[in-house]
Amino acid sequence: MANIMIQQGEKGGLVFYLPKRDLEASIESIEFDTPEKWGGELKLDNGGTYYIDPIAKPPRLPISLRAKRLGAAEDSLPKTKPVETCPPSQQISQLKRILRRASWQ
């Protein structure tokens, strides 16, 4: 689980910030957004999905919370060709991407 911050965006929406990765994204949807229950699954504009434990009432913003990553933005990207079938210049970038993903897990 990661420490995140949710704050009000300049355009009125909510903004999700993950300091560990310097990731900032707008929140597209929140699973529970009522006066009785707030939180659950957060869907971000970059394709990422996180989960925060629901709380009894909407919080005052900004707020720091613990969140679990359900799906990263990279999970929603189209699959690429196997490394062996790519030109050498693309092989290097694909191998770097594979190594980054392995280090996140």
Protein backbone atom coordinates (compact mmCIF):
# COMPACT_ATOMS: atom_id res chain seq x y z
CA MET A 1 0.00 0.00 0.00
CA ALA A 2 1.18 3.47 -0.83
CA ASN A 3 0.70 6.87 0.77
CA ILE A 4 -1.25 9.16 -1.55
CA MET A 5 -2.76 12.61 -1.39
CA ILE A 6 -6.10 13.72 -2.85
CA GLN A 7 -6.77 17.40 -3.35
CA GLN A 8 -9.13 19.69 -5.20
CA GLY A 9 -7.92 20.45 -8.74
CA GLU A 10 -7.82 23.88 -10.33
CA LYS A 11 -10.68 22.95 -12.66
CA GLY A 12 -12.88 21.66 -9.83
CA GLY A 13 -12.20 17.91 -10.06
CA LEU A 14 -10.16 15.79 -7.69
CA VAL A 15 -6.44 15.22 -8.21
CA PHE A 16 -4.60 12.06 -7.12
CA TYR A 17 -0.91 12.42 -6.17
CA LEU A 18 1.52 9.57 -5.45
CA PRO A 19 4.75 11.17 -4.15
CA LYS A 20 6.85 8.00 -4.34
CA ARG A 21 6.52 7.98 -8.13
CA ASP A 22 5.79 11.70 -8.58
CA LEU A 23 2.54 10.66 -10.25
CA GLU A 24 -0.24 13.22 -10.54
CA ALA A 25 -3.51 12.38 -12.30
CA SER A 26 -7.11 13.53 -12.31
CA ILE A 27 -9.64 11.19 -10.71
CA GLU A 28 -12.29 10.19 -13.25
CA SER A 29 -14.52 8.25 -10.87
CA ILE A 30 -14.88 7.23 -7.23
CA GLU A 31 -16.77 4.05 -6.35
CA PHE A 32 -18.56 5.59 -3.33
CA ASP A 33 -19.24 9.33 -3.36
CA THR A 34 -22.19 9.93 -1.04
CA PRO A 35 -22.53 11.74 2.30
CA GLU A 36 -22.71 8.35 4.06
CA LYS A 37 -19.75 6.67 2.35
CA TRP A 38 -16.72 7.98 0.42
CA GLY A 39 -13.85 6.04 -1.17
CA GLY A 40 -13.45 2.62 -2.75
CA GLU A 41 -12.06 2.18 -6.25
CA LEU A 42 -10.52 5.26 -7.88
CA LYS A 43 -10.17 5.39 -11.66
CA LEU A 44 -7.57 7.84 -12.93
CA ASP A 45 -7.42 9.68 -16.25
CA ASN A 46 -4.12 7.94 -17.13
CA GLY A 47 -5.77 4.49 -16.94
CA GLY A 48 -4.54 3.59 -13.45
CA THR A 49 -6.83 2.14 -10.79
CA TYR A 50 -6.33 2.40 -7.02
CA TYR A 51 -8.39 1.40 -3.97
CA ILE A 52 -8.83 3.35 -0.75
CA ASP A 53 -10.81 2.08 2.20
CA PRO A 54 -14.21 3.81 2.29
CA ILE A 55 -14.75 6.30 5.10
CA ALA A 56 -17.98 7.45 6.75
CA LYS A 57 -18.22 10.91 5.20
CA PRO A 58 -16.48 12.93 2.49
CA PRO A 59 -13.22 14.35 3.84
CA ARG A 60 -11.93 17.88 3.92
CA LEU A 61 -9.37 18.28 1.20
CA PRO A 62 -6.45 17.90 0.85
CA ILE A 63 -6.25 14.51 2.57
CA SER A 64 -3.50 11.89 2.86
CA LEU A 65 -4.57 8.25 2.66
CA ARG A 66 -3.22 4.74 2.08
CA ALA A 67 -4.08 3.26 -1.32
CA LYS A 68 -3.60 -0.08 -3.01
CA ARG A 69 -2.77 -0.20 -6.72
CA LEU A 70 -5.28 -2.39 -8.57
CA GLY A 71 -4.10 -1.63 -12.08
CA ALA A 72 -1.35 0.61 -13.36
CA ALA A 73 -1.65 2.88 -16.37
CA GLU A 74 0.81 0.58 -18.16
CA ASP A 75 -1.63 -2.34 -17.80
CA SER A 76 -4.04 -0.60 -20.17
CA LEU A 77 -1.46 0.01 -22.91
CA PRO A 78 -1.62 -2.14 -26.04
CA LYS A 79 0.75 -5.08 -26.12
CA THR A 80 3.90 -4.71 -28.20
CA LYS A 81 5.61 -7.20 -30.49
CA PRO A 82 8.01 -9.70 -28.92
CA VAL A 83 11.50 -8.26 -28.52
CA GLU A 84 13.04 -10.66 -31.06
CA THR A 85 10.87 -9.32 -33.93
CA CYS A 86 11.64 -5.63 -33.34
CA PRO A 87 14.50 -3.59 -34.78
CA PRO A 88 17.46 -3.16 -32.35
CA SER A 89 16.51 0.41 -31.45
CA GLN A 90 13.09 -0.73 -30.19
CA GLN A 91 14.52 -3.77 -28.40
CA ILE A 92 16.43 -1.58 -25.96
CA SER A 93 13.37 0.50 -25.03
CA GLN A 94 11.22 -2.62 -24.61
CA LEU A 95 13.80 -4.27 -22.37
CA LYS A 96 13.99 -1.14 -20.22
CA ARG A 97 10.18 -1.13 -19.90
CA ILE A 98 10.19 -4.82 -18.87
CA LEU A 99 12.85 -4.16 -16.23
CA ARG A 100 10.91 -1.18 -14.82
CA ARG A 101 7.74 -3.27 -14.52
CA ALA A 102 9.65 -6.08 -12.78
CA SER A 103 11.12 -3.66 -10.23
CA TRP A 104 7.64 -2.29 -9.34
CA GLN A 105 6.25 -5.68 -8.35
